[in-house]
Each structure stands twice: as structure tokens, then as C-alpha cells.
PDB file of N, CA and C in Angstrom:
ATOM      1  N   MET A   1     104.335 102.730 101.169  1.00  0.00           N
ATOM      2  CA  MET A   1     105.358 102.386 101.971  1.00  0.00           C
ATOM      3  C   MET A   1     104.618 101.709 103.422  1.00  0.00           C
ATOM      4  N   LEU A   2     104.050 102.285 103.968  1.00  0.00           N
ATOM      5  CA  LEU A   2     103.198 102.161 105.351  1.00  0.00           C
ATOM      6  C   LEU A   2     102.803 100.998 105.005  1.00  0.00           C
ATOM      7  N   LYS A   3     101.869 100.459 104.030  1.00  0.00           N
ATOM      8  CA  LYS A   3     101.598  99.133 103.968  1.00  0.00           C
ATOM      9  C   LYS A   3     102.371  98.098 103.922  1.00  0.00           C
ATOM     10  N   GLN A   4     103.372  98.373 102.815  1.00  0.00           N
ATOM     11  CA  GLN A   4     104.776  97.456 102.764  1.00  0.00           C
ATOM     12  C   GLN A   4     105.241  97.493 103.799  1.00  0.00           C
ATOM     13  N   GLN A   5     105.701  98.176 104.813  1.00  0.00           N
ATOM     14  CA  GLN A   5     106.256  97.885 106.190  1.00  0.00           C
ATOM     15  C   GLN A   5     105.142  97.198 107.093  1.00  0.00           C
ATOM     16  N   LEU A   6     104.248  97.397 106.904  1.00  0.00           N
ATOM     17  CA  LEU A   6     103.173  96.667 107.962  1.00  0.00           C
ATOM     18  C   LEU A   6     103.232  95.302 107.765  1.00  0.00           C
ATOM     19  N   GLU A   7     103.043  95.051 106.167  1.00  0.00           N
ATOM     20  CA  GLU A   7     103.071  93.428 105.793  1.00  0.00           C
ATOM     21  C   GLU A   7     104.054  93.005 105.684  1.00  0.00           C
ATOM     22  N   GLN A   8     105.209  93.676 105.551  1.00  0.00           N
ATOM     23  CA  GLN A   8     106.640  92.618 105.565  1.00  0.00           C
ATOM     24  C   GLN A   8     107.457  92.837 106.759  1.00  0.00           C
ATOM     25  N   GLU A   9     107.095  93.415 107.888  1.00  0.00           N
ATOM     26  CA  GLU A   9     107.928  93.792 108.723  1.00  0.00           C
ATOM     27  C   GLU A   9     107.048  93.664 110.039  1.00  0.00           C
ATOM     28  N   TRP A  10     105.955  94.753 110.431  1.00  0.00           N
ATOM     29  CA  TRP A  10     105.184  94.569 111.782  1.00  0.00           C
ATOM     30  C   TRP A  10     104.473  93.584 112.051  1.00  0.00           C
ATOM     31  N   VAL A  11     103.619  93.192 110.961  1.00  0.00           N
ATOM     32  CA  VAL A  11     102.974  92.072 111.063  1.00  0.00           C
ATOM     33  C   VAL A  11     103.727  90.387 111.635  1.00  0.00           C
ATOM     34  N   PRO A  12     104.702  90.252 110.899  1.00  0.00           N
ATOM     35  CA  PRO A  12     105.630  88.822 111.085  1.00  0.00           C
ATOM     36  C   PRO A  12     106.287  89.280 112.343  1.00  0.00           C
ATOM     37  N   ALA A  13     106.693  90.382 112.586  1.00  0.00           N
ATOM     38  CA  ALA A  13     107.509  90.875 113.783  1.00  0.00           C
ATOM     39  C   ALA A  13     106.384  90.524 115.007  1.00  0.00           C
ATOM     40  N   MET A  14     105.357  90.769 114.856  1.00  0.00           N
ATOM     41  CA  MET A  14     104.049  90.738 115.850  1.00  0.00           C
ATOM     42  C   MET A  14     103.964  89.052 116.228  1.00  0.00           C
ATOM     43  N   GLN A  15     103.679  88.330 114.919  1.00  0.00           N
ATOM     44  CA  GLN A  15     103.374  87.186 114.718  1.00  0.00           C
ATOM     45  C   GLN A  15     104.537  86.287 115.713  1.00  0.00           C
ATOM     46  N   ARG A  16     105.830  86.588 115.486  1.00  0.00           N
ATOM     47  CA  ARG A  16     106.897  85.926 116.273  1.00  0.00           C
ATOM     48  C   ARG A  16     107.063  86.100 117.439  1.00  0.00           C
ATOM     49  N   LEU A  17     106.677  87.558 118.029  1.00  0.00           N
ATOM     50  CA  LEU A  17     106.340  87.780 119.293  1.00  0.00           C
ATOM     51  C   LEU A  17     105.610  86.902 120.269  1.00  0.00           C
ATOM     52  N   LEU A  18     104.167  87.091 119.501  1.00  0.00           N
ATOM     53  CA  LEU A  18     103.397  86.381 120.230  1.00  0.00           C
ATOM     54  C   LEU A  18     102.928  84.909 119.581  1.00  0.00           C
ATOM     55  N   ASP A  19     103.784  84.432 118.839  1.00  0.00           N
ATOM     56  CA  ASP A  19     103.485  82.907 118.647  1.00  0.00           C
ATOM     57  C   ASP A  19     102.183  82.872 117.851  1.00  0.00           C
ATOM     58  N   ILE A  20     101.687  83.590 116.716  1.00  0.00           N
ATOM     59  CA  ILE A  20     100.360  83.273 116.270  1.00  0.00           C
ATOM     60  C   ILE A  20     101.019  83.064 114.759  1.00  0.00           C
ATOM     61  N   ASP A  21     100.223  81.750 114.139  1.00  0.00           N
ATOM     62  CA  ASP A  21     100.712  81.448 112.918  1.00  0.00           C
ATOM     63  C   ASP A  21      99.452  82.297 111.879  1.00  0.00           C
ATOM     64  N   THR A  22      99.791  82.550 110.659  1.00  0.00           N
ATOM     65  CA  THR A  22      99.223  83.478 109.886  1.00  0.00           C
ATOM     66  C   THR A  22      97.827  82.897 109.437  1.00  0.00           C
ATOM     67  N   ALA A  23      97.737  81.756 109.819  1.00  0.00           N
ATOM     68  CA  ALA A  23      96.090  80.890 109.438  1.00  0.00           C
ATOM     69  C   ALA A  23      95.331  81.188 111.102  1.00  0.00           C
ATOM     70  N   SER A  24      95.859  82.026 111.957  1.00  0.00           N
ATOM     71  CA  SER A  24      95.287  82.256 113.242  1.00  0.00           C
ATOM     72  C   SER A  24      94.761  83.758 112.994  1.00  0.00           C
ATOM     73  N   LEU A  25      95.412  84.562 112.023  1.00  0.00           N
ATOM     74  CA  LEU A  25      95.050  86.060 112.023  1.00  0.00           C
ATOM     75  C   LEU A  25      93.747  86.049 111.661  1.00  0.00           C
ATOM     76  N   PRO A  26      92.738  87.114 111.761  1.00  0.00           N
ATOM     77  CA  PRO A  26      91.677  87.150 111.347  1.00  0.00           C
ATOM     78  C   PRO A  26      91.458  87.333 109.724  1.00  0.00           C
ATOM     79  N   VAL A  27      90.665  86.980 109.194  1.00  0.00           N
ATOM     80  CA  VAL A  27      90.611  87.216 107.538  1.00  0.00           C
ATOM     81  C   VAL A  27      90.423  88.544 107.258  1.00  0.00           C
ATOM     82  N   LEU A  28      89.723  89.350 108.126  1.00  0.00           N
ATOM     83  CA  LEU A  28      89.292  90.926 107.730  1.00  0.00           C
ATOM     84  C   LEU A  28      89.788  91.551 109.102  1.00  0.00           C
ATOM     85  N   TRP A  29      90.713  92.777 108.950  1.00  0.00           N
ATOM     86  CA  TRP A  29      90.955  93.301 109.794  1.00  0.00           C
ATOM     87  C   TRP A  29      91.906  94.647 109.467  1.00  0.00           C
ATOM     88  N   ASP A  30      91.806  95.857 110.379  1.00  0.00           N
ATOM     89  CA  ASP A  30      92.489  96.933 109.523  1.00  0.00           C
ATOM     90  C   ASP A  30      93.395  97.421 110.745  1.00  0.00           C
ATOM     91  N   CYS A  31      94.275  98.785 110.219  1.00  0.00           N
ATOM     92  CA  CYS A  31      95.092  98.987 111.379  1.00  0.00           C
ATOM     93  C   CYS A  31      94.760 100.536 111.611  1.00  0.00           C
ATOM     94  N   ASP A  32      94.922 101.016 112.705  1.00  0.00           N
ATOM     95  CA  ASP A  32      94.891 102.583 112.499  1.00  0.00           C
ATOM     96  C   ASP A  32      96.238 103.088 113.229  1.00  0.00           C
ATOM     97  N   PHE A  33      96.704 104.252 112.614  1.00  0.00           N
ATOM     98  CA  PHE A  33      98.067 104.895 112.777  1.00  0.00           C
ATOM     99  C   PHE A  33      98.375 106.098 113.157  1.00  0.00           C
ATOM    100  N   LEU A  34      98.764 106.931 114.218  1.00  0.00           N
ATOM    101  CA  LEU A  34      99.317 108.349 114.437  1.00  0.00           C
ATOM    102  C   LEU A  34     100.429 108.547 113.392  1.00  0.00           C
ATOM    103  N   LEU A  35     100.668 109.662 113.324  1.00  0.00           N
ATOM    104  CA  LEU A  35     101.734 110.285 112.636  1.00  0.00           C
ATOM    105  C   LEU A  35     102.618 110.267 113.912  1.00  0.00           C
ATOM    106  N   GLY A  36     103.795 109.738 113.802  1.00  0.00           N
ATOM    107  CA  GLY A  36     104.985 109.755 114.628  1.00  0.00           C
ATOM    108  C   GLY A  36     105.835 110.897 114.361  1.00  0.00           C
ATOM    109  N   PRO A  37     107.085 111.069 115.350  1.00  0.00           N
ATOM    110  CA  PRO A  37     107.826 111.974 115.073  1.00  0.00           C
ATOM    111  C   PRO A  37     108.656 111.883 113.797  1.00  0.00           C
ATOM    112  N   LYS A  38     109.280 112.988 113.058  1.00  0.00           N
ATOM    113  CA  LYS A  38     110.056 113.189 111.976  1.00  0.00           C
ATOM    114  C   LYS A  38     111.274 112.144 112.356  1.00  0.00           C
ATOM    115  N   SER A  39     111.879 111.330 111.238  1.00  0.00           N
ATOM    116  CA  SER A  39     113.086 110.798 111.277  1.00  0.00           C
ATOM    117  C   SER A  39     114.223 111.957 111.365  1.00  0.00           C
ATOM    118  N   ALA A  40     115.474 111.460 111.716  1.00  0.00           N
ATOM    119  CA  ALA A  40     116.780 112.144 111.619  1.00  0.00           C
ATOM    120  C   ALA A  40     116.898 112.992 109.942  1.00  0.00           C
ATOM    121  N   SER A  41     116.124 111.959 109.405  1.00  0.00           N
ATOM    122  CA  SER A  41     116.423 112.493 107.746  1.00  0.00           C
ATOM    123  C   SER A  41     115.134 113.698 107.437  1.00  0.00           C
ATOM    124  N   GLY A  42     114.332 113.697 108.154  1.00  0.00           N
ATOM    125  CA  GLY A  42     113.048 114.610 108.075  1.00  0.00           C
ATOM    126  C   GLY A  42     111.774 113.784 107.687  1.00  0.00           C
ATOM    127  N   GLU A  43     111.901 112.475 107.263  1.00  0.00           N
ATOM    128  CA  GLU A  43     110.689 111.695 107.023  1.00  0.00           C
ATOM    129  C   GLU A  43     109.741 111.392 108.132  1.00  0.00           C
ATOM    130  N   ASP A  44     108.465 111.224 107.490  1.00  0.00           N
ATOM    131  CA  ASP A  44     107.107 110.957 108.386  1.00  0.00           C
ATOM    132  C   ASP A  44     107.704 109.763 109.205  1.00  0.00           C
ATOM    133  N   SER A  45     106.916 109.141 110.464  1.00  0.00           N
ATOM    134  CA  SER A  45     107.519 107.908 111.003  1.00  0.00           C
ATOM    135  C   SER A  45     105.731 107.708 111.605  1.00  0.00           C
ATOM    136  N   TYR A  46     105.526 106.583 111.773  1.00  0.00           N
ATOM    137  CA  TYR A  46     103.966 106.359 112.315  1.00  0.00           C
ATOM    138  C   TYR A  46     103.802 105.169 113.213  1.00  0.00           C
ATOM    139  N   VAL A  47     103.182 105.528 114.342  1.00  0.00           N
ATOM    140  CA  VAL A  47     102.874 104.713 115.317  1.00  0.00           C
ATOM    141  C   VAL A  47     101.668 103.628 115.215  1.00  0.00           C
ATOM    142  N   LEU A  48     101.553 102.547 115.853  1.00  0.00           N
ATOM    143  CA  LEU A  48     100.407 101.900 115.639  1.00  0.00           C
ATOM    144  C   LEU A  48      99.481 102.319 117.049  1.00  0.00           C
ATOM    145  N   CYS A  49      98.102 102.837 116.696  1.00  0.00           N
ATOM    146  CA  CYS A  49      97.366 102.975 117.232  1.00  0.00           C
ATOM    147  C   CYS A  49      96.449 102.139 117.618  1.00  0.00           C
ATOM    148  N   GLU A  50      95.990 100.956 116.896  1.00  0.00           N
ATOM    149  CA  GLU A  50      95.233 100.019 117.096  1.00  0.00           C
ATOM    150  C   GLU A  50      94.951  98.974 115.852  1.00  0.00           C
ATOM    151  N   ILE A  51      94.287  98.277 116.179  1.00  0.00           N
ATOM    152  CA  ILE A  51      94.236  96.786 115.301  1.00  0.00           C
ATOM    153  C   ILE A  51      92.782  96.782 115.581  1.00  0.00           C
ATOM    154  N   ASN A  52      92.074  96.999 114.514  1.00  0.00           N
ATOM    155  CA  ASN A  52      90.663  95.970 114.481  1.00  0.00           C
ATOM    156  C   ASN A  52      90.213  95.085 113.815  1.00  0.00           C
ATOM    157  N   ALA A  53      89.489  94.197 114.365  1.00  0.00           N
ATOM    158  CA  ALA A  53      89.069  92.751 113.694  1.00  0.00           C
ATOM    159  C   ALA A  53      87.735  92.538 113.696  1.00  0.00           C
ATOM    160  N   SER A  54      86.742  93.510 114.659  1.00  0.00           N
ATOM    161  CA  SER A  54      85.454  93.169 114.778  1.00  0.00           C
ATOM    162  C   SER A  54      84.583  94.456 114.395  1.00  0.00           C
ATOM    163  N   SER A  55      84.951  95.182 113.904  1.00  0.00           N
ATOM    164  CA  SER A  55      84.119  96.479 113.461  1.00  0.00           C
ATOM    165  C   SER A  55      84.672  96.934 112.083  1.00  0.00           C
ATOM    166  N   VAL A  56      85.225  95.986 111.118  1.00  0.00           N
ATOM    167  CA  VAL A  56      85.518  96.098 110.127  1.00  0.00           C
ATOM    168  C   VAL A  56      84.489  95.769 108.880  1.00  0.00           C
ATOM    169  N   SER A  57      84.610  96.400 107.593  1.00  0.00           N
ATOM    170  CA  SER A  57      83.643  95.591 106.700  1.00  0.00           C
ATOM    171  C   SER A  57      84.547  95.780 105.196  1.00  0.00           C
ATOM    172  N   PRO A  58      84.412  94.913 104.246  1.00  0.00           N
ATOM    173  CA  PRO A  58      85.416  95.154 103.133  1.00  0.00           C
ATOM    174  C   PRO A  58      85.030  96.125 102.135  1.00  0.00           C
ATOM    175  N   PHE A  59      85.945  96.996 101.775  1.00  0.00           N
ATOM    176  CA  PHE A  59      85.946  97.694 100.776  1.00  0.00           C
ATOM    177  C   PHE A  59      87.346  97.721  99.791  1.00  0.00           C
ATOM    178  N   PRO A  60      86.720  98.038  98.376  1.00  0.00           N
ATOM    179  CA  PRO A  60      85.902  98.387  98.304  1.00  0.00           C
ATOM    180  C   PRO A  60      84.587  97.097  98.162  1.00  0.00           C
ATOM    181  N   ALA A  61      83.726  97.279  97.334  1.00  0.00           N
ATOM    182  CA  ALA A  61      82.325  96.305  97.421  1.00  0.00           C
ATOM    183  C   ALA A  61      82.854  95.200  96.639  1.00  0.00           C
ATOM    184  N   SER A  62      83.761  95.444  95.881  1.00  0.00           N
ATOM    185  CA  SER A  62      84.409  94.127  94.985  1.00  0.00           C
ATOM    186  C   SER A  62      85.422  93.025  95.825  1.00  0.00           C
ATOM    187  N   ALA A  63      85.317  93.481  97.086  1.00  0.00           N
ATOM    188  CA  ALA A  63      86.241  92.870  98.074  1.00  0.00           C
ATOM    189  C   ALA A  63      85.169  91.955  99.013  1.00  0.00           C
ATOM    190  N   VAL A  64      83.861  92.221  98.837  1.00  0.00           N
ATOM    191  CA  VAL A  64      83.137  91.168  99.740  1.00  0.00           C
ATOM    192  C   VAL A  64      83.508  89.763  99.437  1.00  0.00           C
ATOM    193  N   ALA A  65      83.270  89.250  98.014  1.00  0.00           N
ATOM    194  CA  ALA A  65      83.093  87.999  97.534  1.00  0.00           C
ATOM    195  C   ALA A  65      84.486  87.504  98.260  1.00  0.00           C
ATOM    196  N   PRO A  66      85.574  88.378  97.700  1.00  0.00           N
ATOM    197  CA  PRO A  66      86.785  87.070  98.015  1.00  0.00           C
ATOM    198  C   PRO A  66      87.115  86.888  99.942  1.00  0.00           C
ATOM    199  N   VAL A  67      86.449  88.046 100.615  1.00  0.00           N
ATOM    200  CA  VAL A  67      86.380  87.595 102.059  1.00  0.00           C
ATOM    201  C   VAL A  67      85.620  86.808 102.492  1.00  0.00           C
ATOM    202  N   ALA A  68      84.539  86.921 101.788  1.00  0.00           N
ATOM    203  CA  ALA A  68      83.428  85.745 102.118  1.00  0.00           C
ATOM    204  C   ALA A  68      84.066  84.051 101.825  1.00  0.00           C
ATOM    205  N   GLN A  69      84.853  84.357 100.840  1.00  0.00           N
ATOM    206  CA  GLN A  69      85.452  82.998 100.379  1.00  0.00           C
ATOM    207  C   GLN A  69      86.382  82.372 101.067  1.00  0.00           C
ATOM    208  N   ALA A  70      87.370  83.587 101.682  1.00  0.00           N
ATOM    209  CA  ALA A  70      88.428  83.313 102.445  1.00  0.00           C
ATOM    210  C   ALA A  70      87.967  82.773 103.758  1.00  0.00           C
ATOM    211  N   THR A  71      86.750  83.544 104.234  1.00  0.00           N
ATOM    212  CA  THR A  71      86.044  83.363 106.024  1.00  0.00           C
ATOM    213  C   THR A  71      85.442  81.781 105.588  1.00  0.00           C
ATOM    214  N   LEU A  72      85.190  81.311 104.359  1.00  0.00           N
ATOM    215  CA  LEU A  72      84.486  80.029 104.648  1.00  0.00           C
ATOM    216  C   LEU A  72      85.681  79.091 104.502  1.00  0.00           C
ATOM    217  N   ALA A  73      86.820  79.496 103.652  1.00  0.00           N
ATOM    218  CA  ALA A  73      87.610  78.327 103.583  1.00  0.00           C
ATOM    219  C   ALA A  73      88.628  78.334 104.885  1.00  0.00           C
ATOM    220  N   ARG A  74      88.592  79.312 105.511  1.00  0.00           N
ATOM    221  CA  ARG A  74      88.972  79.282 106.872  1.00  0.00           C
ATOM    222  C   ARG A  74      88.559  78.441 107.773  1.00  0.00           C
ATOM    223  N   ALA A  75      87.032  78.891 108.006  1.00  0.00           N
ATOM    224  CA  ALA A  75      86.046  78.050 108.604  1.00  0.00           C
ATOM    225  C   ALA A  75      86.236  76.519 108.506  1.00  0.00           C
ATOM    226  N   ARG A  76      86.179  75.950 107.169  1.00  0.00           N
ATOM    227  CA  ARG A  76      86.596  74.706 106.963  1.00  0.00           C
ATOM    228  C   ARG A  76      87.873  74.181 107.101  1.00  0.00           C
ATOM    229  N   THR A  77      88.681  75.006 107.491  1.00  0.00           N
ATOM    230  CA  THR A  77      90.000  74.079 107.983  1.00  0.00           C
ATOM    231  C   THR A  77      90.139  74.228 108.997  1.00  0.00           C
ATOM    232  N   VAL A  78      89.366  74.898 110.006  1.00  0.00           N
ATOM    233  CA  VAL A  78      89.142  75.308 111.338  1.00  0.00           C
ATOM    234  C   VAL A  78      88.598  73.803 111.540  1.00  0.00           C
ATOM    235  N   LYS A  79      87.525  73.507 111.005  1.00  0.00           N
ATOM    236  CA  LYS A  79      86.748  72.416 111.029  1.00  0.00           C
ATOM    237  C   LYS A  79      87.189  70.977 110.861  1.00  0.00           C
ATOM    238  N   GLU A  80      88.072  70.754 110.071  1.00  0.00           N
ATOM    239  CA  GLU A  80      88.869  69.778 109.466  1.00  0.00           C
ATOM    240  C   GLU A  80      90.132  69.262 110.535  1.00  0.00           C
ATOM    241  N   ARG A  81      90.293  70.604 111.307  1.00  0.00           N
ATOM    242  CA  ARG A  81      91.619  70.098 112.491  1.00  0.00           C
ATOM    243  C   ARG A  81      90.778  69.977 113.448  1.00  0.00           C
ATOM    244  N   ARG A  82      89.612  70.163 113.675  1.00  0.00           N
ATOM    245  CA  ARG A  82      89.152  69.639 114.947  1.00  0.00           C
ATOM    246  C   ARG A  82      88.558  68.331 114.674  1.00  0.00           C
ATOM    247  N   VAL A  83      88.021  68.210 113.734  1.00  0.00           N
ATOM    248  CA  VAL A  83      87.788  66.525 113.421  1.00  0.00           C
ATOM    249  C   VAL A  83      88.576  65.699 113.147  1.00  0.00           C
ATOM    250  N   SER A  84      89.674  66.179 112.931  1.00  0.00           N
ATOM    251  CA  SER A  84      90.976  65.115 112.812  1.00  0.00           C
ATOM    252  C   SER A  84      91.449  64.899 114.117  1.00  0.00           C
ATOM    253  N   PHE A  85      91.421  65.430 115.247  1.00  0.00           N
ATOM    254  CA  PHE A  85      91.888  65.064 116.563  1.00  0.00           C
ATOM    255  C   PHE A  85      91.186  64.168 117.170  1.00  0.00           C
TER     256      PHE A  85
END
């Protein structure tokens, strides 16, 4: 539920607020949350504590190759954009 809310609501809202396109987001990053107050219906809520982009590593080990491929693709895209200007 939290992952879905992050991916479908919070990240798109942050992107709109800060005018950040998806291609400009880090390839690998994570978020830390604190437990927030219970909702009126008694459900847990969460508060975003921090977003890490520089001190994370792929997990599980099977994620290393896809992350490396995505990073290489992103670098190629950035290079192509710079060449076309």
C-alpha cells in the first residue's frame, strides 16, 4: 500500500510541484518513512522522512544488472541531448 501510494500519488505530486520530469529522477533512490498518526478509521499513516539518492545500493543482487543498464541508458540519453543542442 505504501509503495503504491508513493509511486502513484506522492512522486507524481512532487514532480508537478517541483517541475521535475521522470527522466530527471535518479535511477536508484529510496525513501525513508516515519509512522504517522492513526487516521480517523484507525489505520496507520506515514510521514516522509527523507529521500536518499547517493547512499543506496541495489537489492537484491539480481537488481544490479537492470540498475546498471538503466544508468547506462540514462547517460546515453543525456549525452544525446547535449550533442543535439
